[in-house]
Amino acid sequence: MTDATTEAKPEQNREWSRAEAETALRAILADSLGIEASEVRAAASLVRDLGAESIDFLDIGFKIQQALGVNLQTAEIRTRILAWSASILPTLGEIVRERYGVAVAVDELRALESGGLSKVADYLRTARGLGVGADAAEQLGRELVQRLVREFAALGFTVSQADREDVVRVMQTDLAPRRLAERTLDLLTVGALVDFVCARLGSRLRA
């Protein structure tokens, strides 16, 4: 009789090609989200395009673990993205203090969030008398995005240069946490999930 505690699970030994892993992931997403497989395109955002909610992320993570032997803390990923978005104003305050040596309260920044970083830069010039450059809003945005990139890297995901630039553009005119949460959650695409899983397969991923 085989000892179940020592017998390796099939998914821990199986080798996968990228195409096979992608097919398995598409099937998992279609099943978890109750959609047609044809809707699960590489560029589709799990939240915006496919309608994934908190409980769906738990189900998706469980099924990926069972099918491919890869641990994906999908609920944690969503939680950390939302936390980054919610902390955007305190983080911006830290960056302003580091760059310009002036403290700007969160309440001051909150009054400016609907105008984005462009309005923040104008405020620093006019209300605080700082000689910030014409590119100040863009530079602040890039520093904020670098922190977002580090959040994603800690979770095992990468953020493309195109997405980085787009998030900076969004922040130029809107710093509302809800808007930023929507945009950053859009970074969790089917393609990003495939890349993550294939990277985690390691030696079990064949060419």
N, C-alpha and C. Protein backbone atom coordinates (compact mmCIF):
# COMPACT_ATOMS: atom_id res chain seq x y z
N MET A 1 0.84 -1.19 0.00
CA MET A 1 0.00 0.00 0.00
C MET A 1 0.89 1.25 0.00
N THR A 2 0.58 2.19 -0.88
CA THR A 2 1.40 3.39 -1.01
C THR A 2 1.09 4.37 0.11
N ASP A 3 2.13 4.92 0.67
CA ASP A 3 1.96 5.94 1.71
C ASP A 3 1.57 7.26 1.06
N ALA A 4 0.35 7.71 1.31
CA ALA A 4 -0.17 8.91 0.67
C ALA A 4 0.61 10.15 1.06
N THR A 5 1.28 10.09 2.22
CA THR A 5 2.01 11.28 2.67
C THR A 5 3.32 11.44 1.94
N THR A 6 3.85 10.35 1.34
CA THR A 6 5.13 10.44 0.66
C THR A 6 4.97 10.40 -0.85
N GLU A 7 3.81 10.02 -1.33
CA GLU A 7 3.59 9.96 -2.77
C GLU A 7 3.48 11.38 -3.33
N ALA A 8 4.31 11.69 -4.34
CA ALA A 8 4.30 13.04 -4.92
C ALA A 8 3.03 13.24 -5.73
N LYS A 9 2.49 14.41 -5.62
CA LYS A 9 1.32 14.73 -6.42
C LYS A 9 1.73 14.84 -7.88
N PRO A 10 0.86 14.42 -8.82
CA PRO A 10 1.19 14.47 -10.23
C PRO A 10 1.63 15.85 -10.69
N GLU A 11 0.98 16.92 -10.21
CA GLU A 11 1.30 18.26 -10.69
C GLU A 11 2.68 18.72 -10.23
N GLN A 12 3.23 18.08 -9.19
CA GLN A 12 4.54 18.47 -8.73
C GLN A 12 5.65 17.93 -9.63
N ASN A 13 5.36 16.90 -10.43
CA ASN A 13 6.36 16.28 -11.30
C ASN A 13 6.16 16.57 -12.78
N ARG A 14 4.95 16.87 -13.16
CA ARG A 14 4.65 17.04 -14.58
C ARG A 14 5.38 18.22 -15.18
N GLU A 15 5.85 18.02 -16.41
CA GLU A 15 6.43 19.12 -17.17
C GLU A 15 5.34 19.75 -18.03
N TRP A 16 5.47 21.05 -18.24
CA TRP A 16 4.49 21.79 -19.03
C TRP A 16 5.20 22.62 -20.09
N SER A 17 4.59 22.74 -21.25
CA SER A 17 5.04 23.74 -22.20
C SER A 17 4.29 25.02 -21.88
N ARG A 18 4.75 26.14 -22.39
CA ARG A 18 4.04 27.39 -22.14
C ARG A 18 2.62 27.32 -22.70
N ALA A 19 2.48 26.71 -23.88
CA ALA A 19 1.16 26.60 -24.51
C ALA A 19 0.21 25.77 -23.65
N GLU A 20 0.72 24.68 -23.08
CA GLU A 20 -0.12 23.83 -22.22
C GLU A 20 -0.53 24.57 -20.95
N ALA A 21 0.43 25.30 -20.36
CA ALA A 21 0.12 26.05 -19.13
C ALA A 21 -0.91 27.14 -19.44
N GLU A 22 -0.77 27.79 -20.57
CA GLU A 22 -1.71 28.84 -20.94
C GLU A 22 -3.11 28.26 -21.17
N THR A 23 -3.17 27.11 -21.83
CA THR A 23 -4.46 26.46 -22.06
C THR A 23 -5.13 26.08 -20.74
N ALA A 24 -4.32 25.54 -19.81
CA ALA A 24 -4.86 25.16 -18.50
C ALA A 24 -5.38 26.39 -17.75
N LEU A 25 -4.64 27.48 -17.81
CA LEU A 25 -5.05 28.71 -17.12
C LEU A 25 -6.32 29.29 -17.73
N ARG A 26 -6.42 29.25 -19.04
CA ARG A 26 -7.62 29.77 -19.70
C ARG A 26 -8.85 28.96 -19.25
N ALA A 27 -8.67 27.64 -19.15
CA ALA A 27 -9.78 26.79 -18.72
C ALA A 27 -10.17 27.09 -17.28
N ILE A 28 -9.16 27.30 -16.42
CA ILE A 28 -9.43 27.62 -15.01
C ILE A 28 -10.20 28.93 -14.91
N LEU A 29 -9.75 29.95 -15.63
CA LEU A 29 -10.40 31.26 -15.57
C LEU A 29 -11.83 31.19 -16.10
N ALA A 30 -12.02 30.49 -17.20
CA ALA A 30 -13.36 30.37 -17.77
C ALA A 30 -14.30 29.67 -16.79
N ASP A 31 -13.79 28.62 -16.15
CA ASP A 31 -14.61 27.86 -15.20
C ASP A 31 -14.91 28.69 -13.95
N SER A 32 -13.89 29.33 -13.39
CA SER A 32 -14.07 30.10 -12.15
C SER A 32 -14.98 31.30 -12.35
N LEU A 33 -14.89 31.91 -13.52
CA LEU A 33 -15.64 33.15 -13.76
C LEU A 33 -16.94 32.92 -14.54
N GLY A 34 -17.20 31.68 -14.93
CA GLY A 34 -18.43 31.37 -15.63
C GLY A 34 -18.55 32.07 -16.96
N ILE A 35 -17.45 32.10 -17.73
CA ILE A 35 -17.45 32.76 -19.02
C ILE A 35 -16.97 31.80 -20.10
N GLU A 36 -17.09 32.21 -21.34
CA GLU A 36 -16.62 31.40 -22.45
C GLU A 36 -15.10 31.49 -22.55
N ALA A 37 -14.48 30.39 -22.93
CA ALA A 37 -13.02 30.37 -23.06
C ALA A 37 -12.53 31.41 -24.07
N SER A 38 -13.35 31.70 -25.07
CA SER A 38 -12.96 32.67 -26.09
C SER A 38 -12.80 34.08 -25.52
N GLU A 39 -13.39 34.34 -24.36
CA GLU A 39 -13.28 35.66 -23.72
C GLU A 39 -11.95 35.83 -22.99
N VAL A 40 -11.28 34.72 -22.73
CA VAL A 40 -10.05 34.75 -21.93
C VAL A 40 -8.87 35.02 -22.86
N ARG A 41 -8.72 36.29 -23.23
CA ARG A 41 -7.63 36.72 -24.11
C ARG A 41 -6.44 37.19 -23.28
N ALA A 42 -5.26 37.14 -23.85
CA ALA A 42 -4.04 37.50 -23.13
C ALA A 42 -4.10 38.91 -22.55
N ALA A 43 -4.66 39.86 -23.30
CA ALA A 43 -4.69 41.25 -22.85
C ALA A 43 -5.86 41.56 -21.92
N ALA A 44 -6.75 40.59 -21.71
CA ALA A 44 -7.93 40.83 -20.88
C ALA A 44 -7.55 41.00 -19.41
N SER A 45 -8.08 42.05 -18.79
CA SER A 45 -7.89 42.27 -17.36
C SER A 45 -8.83 41.34 -16.59
N LEU A 46 -8.30 40.70 -15.55
CA LEU A 46 -9.13 39.77 -14.77
C LEU A 46 -10.32 40.49 -14.15
N VAL A 47 -10.11 41.72 -13.71
CA VAL A 47 -11.18 42.46 -13.04
C VAL A 47 -12.07 43.20 -14.03
N ARG A 48 -11.48 44.11 -14.79
CA ARG A 48 -12.27 44.97 -15.67
C ARG A 48 -12.98 44.20 -16.78
N ASP A 49 -12.23 43.32 -17.46
CA ASP A 49 -12.78 42.65 -18.64
C ASP A 49 -13.50 41.34 -18.31
N LEU A 50 -12.96 40.59 -17.35
CA LEU A 50 -13.53 39.27 -17.05
C LEU A 50 -14.41 39.26 -15.81
N GLY A 51 -14.44 40.36 -15.07
CA GLY A 51 -15.37 40.47 -13.96
C GLY A 51 -15.00 39.73 -12.70
N ALA A 52 -13.71 39.45 -12.49
CA ALA A 52 -13.29 38.73 -11.29
C ALA A 52 -13.52 39.56 -10.03
N GLU A 53 -14.06 38.92 -8.99
CA GLU A 53 -14.28 39.56 -7.70
C GLU A 53 -13.43 38.85 -6.64
N SER A 54 -13.50 39.36 -5.42
CA SER A 54 -12.63 38.84 -4.35
C SER A 54 -12.71 37.32 -4.21
N ILE A 55 -13.91 36.79 -4.16
CA ILE A 55 -14.06 35.34 -3.96
C ILE A 55 -13.57 34.56 -5.16
N ASP A 56 -13.65 35.16 -6.35
CA ASP A 56 -13.15 34.50 -7.56
C ASP A 56 -11.64 34.33 -7.49
N PHE A 57 -10.96 35.34 -6.93
CA PHE A 57 -9.50 35.25 -6.82
C PHE A 57 -9.09 34.08 -5.94
N LEU A 58 -9.83 33.81 -4.90
CA LEU A 58 -9.54 32.66 -4.04
C LEU A 58 -9.70 31.36 -4.80
N ASP A 59 -10.78 31.25 -5.56
CA ASP A 59 -11.06 30.05 -6.34
C ASP A 59 -10.00 29.83 -7.42
N ILE A 60 -9.62 30.91 -8.09
CA ILE A 60 -8.61 30.82 -9.14
C ILE A 60 -7.28 30.35 -8.56
N GLY A 61 -6.89 30.92 -7.43
CA GLY A 61 -5.63 30.52 -6.80
C GLY A 61 -5.63 29.05 -6.40
N PHE A 62 -6.75 28.58 -5.85
CA PHE A 62 -6.86 27.18 -5.45
C PHE A 62 -6.74 26.25 -6.65
N LYS A 63 -7.43 26.58 -7.73
CA LYS A 63 -7.41 25.72 -8.91
C LYS A 63 -6.05 25.69 -9.60
N ILE A 64 -5.35 26.83 -9.57
CA ILE A 64 -4.01 26.85 -10.14
C ILE A 64 -3.07 25.96 -9.33
N GLN A 65 -3.21 26.01 -8.03
CA GLN A 65 -2.39 25.15 -7.17
C GLN A 65 -2.66 23.68 -7.45
N GLN A 66 -3.94 23.33 -7.59
CA GLN A 66 -4.31 21.94 -7.84
C GLN A 66 -3.88 21.46 -9.22
N ALA A 67 -4.04 22.31 -10.23
CA ALA A 67 -3.79 21.87 -11.60
C ALA A 67 -2.31 21.94 -11.99
N LEU A 68 -1.61 22.98 -11.53
CA LEU A 68 -0.24 23.19 -11.98
C LEU A 68 0.81 23.11 -10.87
N GLY A 69 0.34 23.02 -9.62
CA GLY A 69 1.31 22.94 -8.53
C GLY A 69 2.03 24.24 -8.29
N VAL A 70 1.39 25.36 -8.64
CA VAL A 70 1.99 26.68 -8.45
C VAL A 70 1.16 27.44 -7.43
N ASN A 71 1.84 28.00 -6.43
CA ASN A 71 1.15 28.75 -5.39
C ASN A 71 0.97 30.20 -5.83
N LEU A 72 -0.25 30.61 -6.01
CA LEU A 72 -0.56 31.97 -6.43
C LEU A 72 -1.50 32.59 -5.41
N GLN A 73 -0.99 33.53 -4.64
CA GLN A 73 -1.80 34.19 -3.62
C GLN A 73 -2.61 35.32 -4.25
N THR A 74 -3.58 34.94 -5.05
CA THR A 74 -4.33 35.93 -5.83
C THR A 74 -5.07 36.93 -4.95
N ALA A 75 -5.63 36.46 -3.84
CA ALA A 75 -6.34 37.38 -2.95
C ALA A 75 -5.37 38.39 -2.35
N GLU A 76 -4.17 37.93 -2.00
CA GLU A 76 -3.16 38.84 -1.44
C GLU A 76 -2.74 39.87 -2.47
N ILE A 77 -2.61 39.43 -3.72
CA ILE A 77 -2.23 40.35 -4.79
C ILE A 77 -3.25 41.47 -4.90
N ARG A 78 -4.51 41.12 -4.94
CA ARG A 78 -5.57 42.13 -5.05
C ARG A 78 -5.56 43.05 -3.84
N THR A 79 -5.37 42.47 -2.65
CA THR A 79 -5.37 43.26 -1.43
C THR A 79 -4.22 44.26 -1.42
N ARG A 80 -3.05 43.84 -1.85
CA ARG A 80 -1.89 44.73 -1.83
C ARG A 80 -2.01 45.84 -2.86
N ILE A 81 -2.62 45.54 -3.99
CA ILE A 81 -2.84 46.58 -5.00
C ILE A 81 -3.79 47.63 -4.46
N LEU A 82 -4.87 47.18 -3.83
CA LEU A 82 -5.83 48.12 -3.26
C LEU A 82 -5.18 48.94 -2.14
N ALA A 83 -4.30 48.31 -1.36
CA ALA A 83 -3.62 49.02 -0.28
C ALA A 83 -2.69 50.09 -0.85
N TRP A 84 -1.99 49.77 -1.96
CA TRP A 84 -1.13 50.76 -2.60
C TRP A 84 -1.95 51.96 -3.04
N SER A 85 -3.09 51.70 -3.65
CA SER A 85 -3.93 52.80 -4.14
C SER A 85 -4.45 53.65 -2.99
N ALA A 86 -4.85 53.00 -1.91
CA ALA A 86 -5.40 53.72 -0.76
C ALA A 86 -4.36 54.59 -0.06
N SER A 87 -3.08 54.20 -0.17
CA SER A 87 -2.01 54.93 0.52
C SER A 87 -1.31 55.94 -0.39
N ILE A 88 -1.89 56.20 -1.56
CA ILE A 88 -1.20 57.04 -2.56
C ILE A 88 -0.91 58.44 -2.03
N LEU A 89 -1.85 59.04 -1.29
CA LEU A 89 -1.64 60.42 -0.83
C LEU A 89 -0.57 60.51 0.26
N PRO A 90 -0.60 59.62 1.30
CA PRO A 90 0.50 59.65 2.26
C PRO A 90 1.86 59.39 1.60
N THR A 91 1.88 58.49 0.63
CA THR A 91 3.13 58.19 -0.07
C THR A 91 3.61 59.42 -0.84
N LEU A 92 2.67 60.09 -1.51
CA LEU A 92 3.02 61.31 -2.24
C LEU A 92 3.57 62.36 -1.27
N GLY A 93 2.97 62.47 -0.10
CA GLY A 93 3.46 63.41 0.90
C GLY A 93 4.91 63.11 1.28
N GLU A 94 5.25 61.82 1.41
CA GLU A 94 6.63 61.43 1.73
C GLU A 94 7.58 61.83 0.61
N ILE A 95 7.15 61.60 -0.64
CA ILE A 95 8.01 61.92 -1.77
C ILE A 95 8.24 63.43 -1.88
N VAL A 96 7.19 64.20 -1.66
CA VAL A 96 7.32 65.66 -1.69
C VAL A 96 8.29 66.14 -0.62
N ARG A 97 8.18 65.57 0.57
CA ARG A 97 9.08 65.95 1.66
C ARG A 97 10.53 65.59 1.32
N GLU A 98 10.73 64.41 0.73
CA GLU A 98 12.08 63.97 0.37
C GLU A 98 12.67 64.83 -0.75
N ARG A 99 11.83 65.19 -1.74
CA ARG A 99 12.32 65.94 -2.90
C ARG A 99 12.50 67.43 -2.61
N TYR A 100 11.54 67.99 -1.88
CA TYR A 100 11.52 69.44 -1.73
C TYR A 100 11.71 69.94 -0.30
N GLY A 101 11.80 69.02 0.64
CA GLY A 101 12.04 69.42 2.02
C GLY A 101 10.90 70.16 2.66
N VAL A 102 9.67 69.91 2.21
CA VAL A 102 8.52 70.58 2.77
C VAL A 102 7.44 69.55 3.09
N ALA A 103 6.77 69.74 4.22
CA ALA A 103 5.71 68.81 4.62
C ALA A 103 4.37 69.30 4.07
N VAL A 104 3.68 68.40 3.40
CA VAL A 104 2.34 68.69 2.89
C VAL A 104 1.39 67.66 3.50
N ALA A 105 0.41 68.13 4.24
CA ALA A 105 -0.51 67.23 4.94
C ALA A 105 -1.38 66.46 3.94
N VAL A 106 -1.80 65.29 4.36
CA VAL A 106 -2.67 64.47 3.51
C VAL A 106 -3.96 65.21 3.17
N ASP A 107 -4.49 65.96 4.12
CA ASP A 107 -5.72 66.71 3.85
C ASP A 107 -5.51 67.75 2.76
N GLU A 108 -4.33 68.36 2.71
CA GLU A 108 -4.02 69.30 1.63
C GLU A 108 -4.00 68.59 0.29
N LEU A 109 -3.38 67.43 0.26
CA LEU A 109 -3.29 66.66 -0.98
C LEU A 109 -4.66 66.14 -1.41
N ARG A 110 -5.47 65.77 -0.43
CA ARG A 110 -6.81 65.25 -0.75
C ARG A 110 -7.64 66.32 -1.46
N ALA A 111 -7.45 67.56 -1.08
CA ALA A 111 -8.18 68.66 -1.72
C ALA A 111 -7.74 68.87 -3.16
N LEU A 112 -6.59 68.29 -3.52
CA LEU A 112 -6.04 68.46 -4.86
C LEU A 112 -6.18 67.22 -5.74
N GLU A 113 -6.65 66.10 -5.16
CA GLU A 113 -6.57 64.82 -5.86
C GLU A 113 -7.36 64.80 -7.17
N SER A 114 -8.46 65.54 -7.26
CA SER A 114 -9.25 65.53 -8.50
C SER A 114 -8.52 66.20 -9.66
N GLY A 115 -7.49 67.00 -9.33
CA GLY A 115 -6.70 67.64 -10.39
C GLY A 115 -5.41 66.91 -10.67
N GLY A 116 -5.14 65.86 -9.91
CA GLY A 116 -3.96 65.04 -10.14
C GLY A 116 -2.64 65.72 -9.79
N LEU A 117 -1.56 65.12 -10.26
CA LEU A 117 -0.23 65.62 -9.95
C LEU A 117 0.04 66.99 -10.55
N SER A 118 -0.62 67.28 -11.66
CA SER A 118 -0.45 68.61 -12.26
C SER A 118 -0.92 69.69 -11.30
N LYS A 119 -2.03 69.44 -10.64
CA LYS A 119 -2.55 70.40 -9.68
C LYS A 119 -1.67 70.46 -8.44
N VAL A 120 -1.12 69.32 -8.03
CA VAL A 120 -0.21 69.29 -6.88
C VAL A 120 1.03 70.14 -7.18
N ALA A 121 1.58 69.98 -8.39
CA ALA A 121 2.77 70.75 -8.77
C ALA A 121 2.46 72.25 -8.77
N ASP A 122 1.30 72.60 -9.29
CA ASP A 122 0.90 74.02 -9.29
C ASP A 122 0.77 74.55 -7.86
N TYR A 123 0.22 73.73 -6.99
CA TYR A 123 0.04 74.11 -5.58
C TYR A 123 1.40 74.35 -4.91
N LEU A 124 2.36 73.49 -5.21
CA LEU A 124 3.68 73.64 -4.62
C LEU A 124 4.34 74.94 -5.09
N ARG A 125 4.06 75.32 -6.32
CA ARG A 125 4.64 76.57 -6.85
C ARG A 125 3.95 77.81 -6.26
N THR A 126 2.62 77.80 -6.31
CA THR A 126 1.87 79.01 -5.96
C THR A 126 1.63 79.17 -4.46
N ALA A 127 1.19 78.11 -3.80
CA ALA A 127 0.85 78.20 -2.38
C ALA A 127 2.06 78.03 -1.47
N ARG A 128 3.04 77.23 -1.94
CA ARG A 128 4.20 76.98 -1.09
C ARG A 128 5.46 77.72 -1.57
N GLY A 129 5.37 78.35 -2.73
CA GLY A 129 6.49 79.14 -3.22
C GLY A 129 7.73 78.35 -3.59
N LEU A 130 7.54 77.07 -3.96
CA LEU A 130 8.68 76.24 -4.32
C LEU A 130 9.00 76.39 -5.81
N GLY A 131 10.26 76.39 -6.12
CA GLY A 131 10.67 76.50 -7.52
C GLY A 131 10.72 75.14 -8.19
N VAL A 132 9.59 74.47 -8.25
CA VAL A 132 9.56 73.14 -8.89
C VAL A 132 9.55 73.31 -10.40
N GLY A 133 10.20 72.41 -11.09
CA GLY A 133 10.32 72.49 -12.53
C GLY A 133 9.04 72.16 -13.26
N ALA A 134 9.06 72.41 -14.58
CA ALA A 134 7.89 72.14 -15.40
C ALA A 134 7.56 70.65 -15.47
N ASP A 135 8.57 69.82 -15.22
CA ASP A 135 8.36 68.37 -15.28
C ASP A 135 8.09 67.77 -13.91
N ALA A 136 7.78 68.61 -12.92
CA ALA A 136 7.61 68.12 -11.55
C ALA A 136 6.50 67.06 -11.45
N ALA A 137 5.36 67.31 -12.10
CA ALA A 137 4.25 66.37 -12.02
C ALA A 137 4.64 65.01 -12.57
N GLU A 138 5.35 65.02 -13.69
CA GLU A 138 5.77 63.75 -14.29
C GLU A 138 6.78 63.03 -13.41
N GLN A 139 7.71 63.79 -12.82
CA GLN A 139 8.71 63.17 -11.95
C GLN A 139 8.08 62.56 -10.70
N LEU A 140 7.11 63.27 -10.13
CA LEU A 140 6.41 62.71 -8.97
C LEU A 140 5.68 61.43 -9.36
N GLY A 141 5.06 61.45 -10.54
CA GLY A 141 4.35 60.27 -11.02
C GLY A 141 5.27 59.08 -11.20
N ARG A 142 6.46 59.34 -11.73
CA ARG A 142 7.40 58.24 -11.95
C ARG A 142 7.88 57.64 -10.63
N GLU A 143 8.06 58.48 -9.63
CA GLU A 143 8.46 57.94 -8.33
C GLU A 143 7.35 57.10 -7.71
N LEU A 144 6.12 57.55 -7.85
CA LEU A 144 4.99 56.77 -7.34
C LEU A 144 4.88 55.43 -8.08
N VAL A 145 5.07 55.46 -9.39
CA VAL A 145 4.97 54.22 -10.17
C VAL A 145 6.10 53.27 -9.83
N GLN A 146 7.29 53.80 -9.52
CA GLN A 146 8.39 52.93 -9.12
C GLN A 146 8.04 52.14 -7.87
N ARG A 147 7.31 52.76 -6.98
CA ARG A 147 6.87 52.06 -5.76
C ARG A 147 5.83 51.00 -6.10
N LEU A 148 4.98 51.30 -7.08
CA LEU A 148 4.01 50.30 -7.55
C LEU A 148 4.73 49.12 -8.18
N VAL A 149 5.73 49.40 -8.98
CA VAL A 149 6.51 48.34 -9.63
C VAL A 149 7.14 47.43 -8.59
N ARG A 150 7.65 48.03 -7.51
CA ARG A 150 8.25 47.22 -6.45
C ARG A 150 7.21 46.33 -5.77
N GLU A 151 5.99 46.87 -5.60
CA GLU A 151 4.91 46.06 -5.04
C GLU A 151 4.64 44.84 -5.91
N PHE A 152 4.55 45.06 -7.21
CA PHE A 152 4.29 43.96 -8.14
C PHE A 152 5.45 42.98 -8.16
N ALA A 153 6.68 43.49 -8.13
CA ALA A 153 7.85 42.61 -8.14
C ALA A 153 7.88 41.72 -6.91
N ALA A 154 7.48 42.26 -5.76
CA ALA A 154 7.44 41.46 -4.53
C ALA A 154 6.43 40.33 -4.64
N LEU A 155 5.43 40.53 -5.49
CA LEU A 155 4.40 39.51 -5.70
C LEU A 155 4.74 38.56 -6.84
N GLY A 156 5.84 38.85 -7.55
CA GLY A 156 6.26 37.99 -8.65
C GLY A 156 5.78 38.43 -10.02
N PHE A 157 5.24 39.65 -10.11
CA PHE A 157 4.74 40.16 -11.39
C PHE A 157 5.62 41.31 -11.88
N THR A 158 5.61 41.51 -13.19
CA THR A 158 6.31 42.64 -13.77
C THR A 158 5.28 43.61 -14.35
N VAL A 159 5.67 44.86 -14.47
CA VAL A 159 4.81 45.88 -15.06
C VAL A 159 5.51 46.40 -16.31
N SER A 160 4.86 46.30 -17.46
CA SER A 160 5.48 46.72 -18.70
C SER A 160 5.72 48.23 -18.71
N GLN A 161 6.66 48.65 -19.56
CA GLN A 161 6.96 50.08 -19.66
C GLN A 161 5.73 50.85 -20.13
N ALA A 162 4.98 50.27 -21.05
CA ALA A 162 3.78 50.93 -21.56
C ALA A 162 2.77 51.15 -20.44
N ASP A 163 2.60 50.15 -19.57
CA ASP A 163 1.67 50.29 -18.44
C ASP A 163 2.18 51.32 -17.44
N ARG A 164 3.49 51.35 -17.22
CA ARG A 164 4.05 52.35 -16.31
C ARG A 164 3.74 53.76 -16.80
N GLU A 165 3.97 53.97 -18.09
CA GLU A 165 3.72 55.30 -18.67
C GLU A 165 2.24 55.66 -18.58
N ASP A 166 1.37 54.68 -18.77
CA ASP A 166 -0.06 54.96 -18.74
C ASP A 166 -0.52 55.31 -17.33
N VAL A 167 0.01 54.61 -16.33
CA VAL A 167 -0.36 54.93 -14.95
C VAL A 167 0.10 56.34 -14.59
N VAL A 168 1.29 56.71 -15.06
CA VAL A 168 1.78 58.07 -14.83
C VAL A 168 0.82 59.08 -15.47
N ARG A 169 0.35 58.79 -16.67
CA ARG A 169 -0.58 59.69 -17.35
C ARG A 169 -1.88 59.84 -16.57
N VAL A 170 -2.38 58.73 -16.05
CA VAL A 170 -3.61 58.79 -15.26
C VAL A 170 -3.42 59.70 -14.04
N MET A 171 -2.28 59.56 -13.37
CA MET A 171 -2.04 60.32 -12.15
C MET A 171 -1.84 61.80 -12.42
N GLN A 172 -1.53 62.17 -13.64
CA GLN A 172 -1.36 63.59 -13.94
C GLN A 172 -2.65 64.37 -13.69
N THR A 173 -3.79 63.73 -13.91
CA THR A 173 -5.07 64.44 -13.78
C THR A 173 -6.00 63.86 -12.71
N ASP A 174 -5.63 62.71 -12.12
CA ASP A 174 -6.53 62.08 -11.15
C ASP A 174 -5.74 61.25 -10.16
N LEU A 175 -5.87 61.59 -8.88
CA LEU A 175 -5.21 60.84 -7.81
C LEU A 175 -6.21 60.14 -6.90
N ALA A 176 -7.46 60.09 -7.31
CA ALA A 176 -8.47 59.45 -6.48
C ALA A 176 -8.13 57.97 -6.31
N PRO A 177 -8.07 57.48 -5.06
CA PRO A 177 -7.71 56.07 -4.82
C PRO A 177 -8.55 55.08 -5.63
N ARG A 178 -9.85 55.36 -5.78
CA ARG A 178 -10.69 54.43 -6.52
C ARG A 178 -10.26 54.33 -7.98
N ARG A 179 -9.96 55.47 -8.58
CA ARG A 179 -9.52 55.47 -9.98
C ARG A 179 -8.20 54.76 -10.13
N LEU A 180 -7.27 54.99 -9.21
CA LEU A 180 -5.97 54.33 -9.28
C LEU A 180 -6.08 52.84 -9.02
N ALA A 181 -6.99 52.45 -8.12
CA ALA A 181 -7.20 51.03 -7.86
C ALA A 181 -7.71 50.34 -9.12
N GLU A 182 -8.64 50.99 -9.81
CA GLU A 182 -9.17 50.42 -11.05
C GLU A 182 -8.07 50.22 -12.08
N ARG A 183 -7.21 51.24 -12.21
CA ARG A 183 -6.15 51.16 -13.22
C ARG A 183 -5.10 50.13 -12.86
N THR A 184 -4.70 50.07 -11.60
CA THR A 184 -3.67 49.12 -11.22
C THR A 184 -4.18 47.68 -11.23
N LEU A 185 -5.44 47.48 -10.90
CA LEU A 185 -6.00 46.13 -11.00
C LEU A 185 -6.05 45.67 -12.45
N ASP A 186 -6.14 46.64 -13.38
CA ASP A 186 -6.12 46.30 -14.79
C ASP A 186 -4.80 45.65 -15.21
N LEU A 187 -3.75 45.85 -14.41
CA LEU A 187 -2.44 45.28 -14.72
C LEU A 187 -2.44 43.76 -14.53
N LEU A 188 -3.44 43.24 -13.80
CA LEU A 188 -3.56 41.79 -13.63
C LEU A 188 -4.29 41.23 -14.84
N THR A 189 -3.55 41.01 -15.89
CA THR A 189 -4.13 40.48 -17.13
C THR A 189 -3.91 38.97 -17.21
N VAL A 190 -4.60 38.36 -18.16
CA VAL A 190 -4.40 36.93 -18.40
C VAL A 190 -2.94 36.67 -18.78
N GLY A 191 -2.39 37.52 -19.63
CA GLY A 191 -1.00 37.34 -20.04
C GLY A 191 -0.03 37.44 -18.88
N ALA A 192 -0.28 38.40 -17.96
CA ALA A 192 0.58 38.55 -16.78
C ALA A 192 0.50 37.30 -15.90
N LEU A 193 -0.69 36.72 -15.82
CA LEU A 193 -0.88 35.51 -15.02
C LEU A 193 -0.14 34.33 -15.66
N VAL A 194 -0.19 34.23 -16.98
CA VAL A 194 0.54 33.18 -17.69
C VAL A 194 2.04 33.32 -17.44
N ASP A 195 2.55 34.56 -17.54
CA ASP A 195 3.98 34.79 -17.31
C ASP A 195 4.37 34.39 -15.89
N PHE A 196 3.53 34.75 -14.92
CA PHE A 196 3.81 34.43 -13.53
C PHE A 196 3.89 32.92 -13.33
N VAL A 197 2.88 32.20 -13.81
CA VAL A 197 2.83 30.75 -13.62
C VAL A 197 4.00 30.07 -14.32
N CYS A 198 4.31 30.50 -15.54
CA CYS A 198 5.42 29.87 -16.27
C CYS A 198 6.75 30.10 -15.55
N ALA A 199 6.92 31.29 -14.98
CA ALA A 199 8.14 31.56 -14.23
C ALA A 199 8.23 30.67 -13.00
N ARG A 200 7.07 30.42 -12.35
CA ARG A 200 7.04 29.61 -11.14
C ARG A 200 7.18 28.11 -11.45
N LEU A 201 6.91 27.71 -12.67
CA LEU A 201 7.09 26.30 -13.04
C LEU A 201 8.56 25.92 -13.07
N GLY A 202 9.41 26.90 -13.30
CA GLY A 202 10.85 26.68 -13.25
C GLY A 202 11.31 25.55 -14.17
N SER A 203 11.96 24.56 -13.58
CA SER A 203 12.51 23.44 -14.36
C SER A 203 11.43 22.55 -14.96
N ARG A 204 10.19 22.74 -14.49
CA ARG A 204 9.09 21.94 -15.06
C ARG A 204 8.52 22.57 -16.33
N LEU A 205 9.05 23.72 -16.71
CA LEU A 205 8.61 24.36 -17.95
C LEU A 205 9.58 23.95 -19.07
N ARG A 206 9.06 23.26 -20.05
CA ARG A 206 9.93 22.84 -21.16
C ARG A 206 9.75 23.79 -22.34
N ALA A 207 10.76 23.83 -23.17
CA ALA A 207 10.74 24.75 -24.32
C ALA A 207 9.69 24.34 -25.33
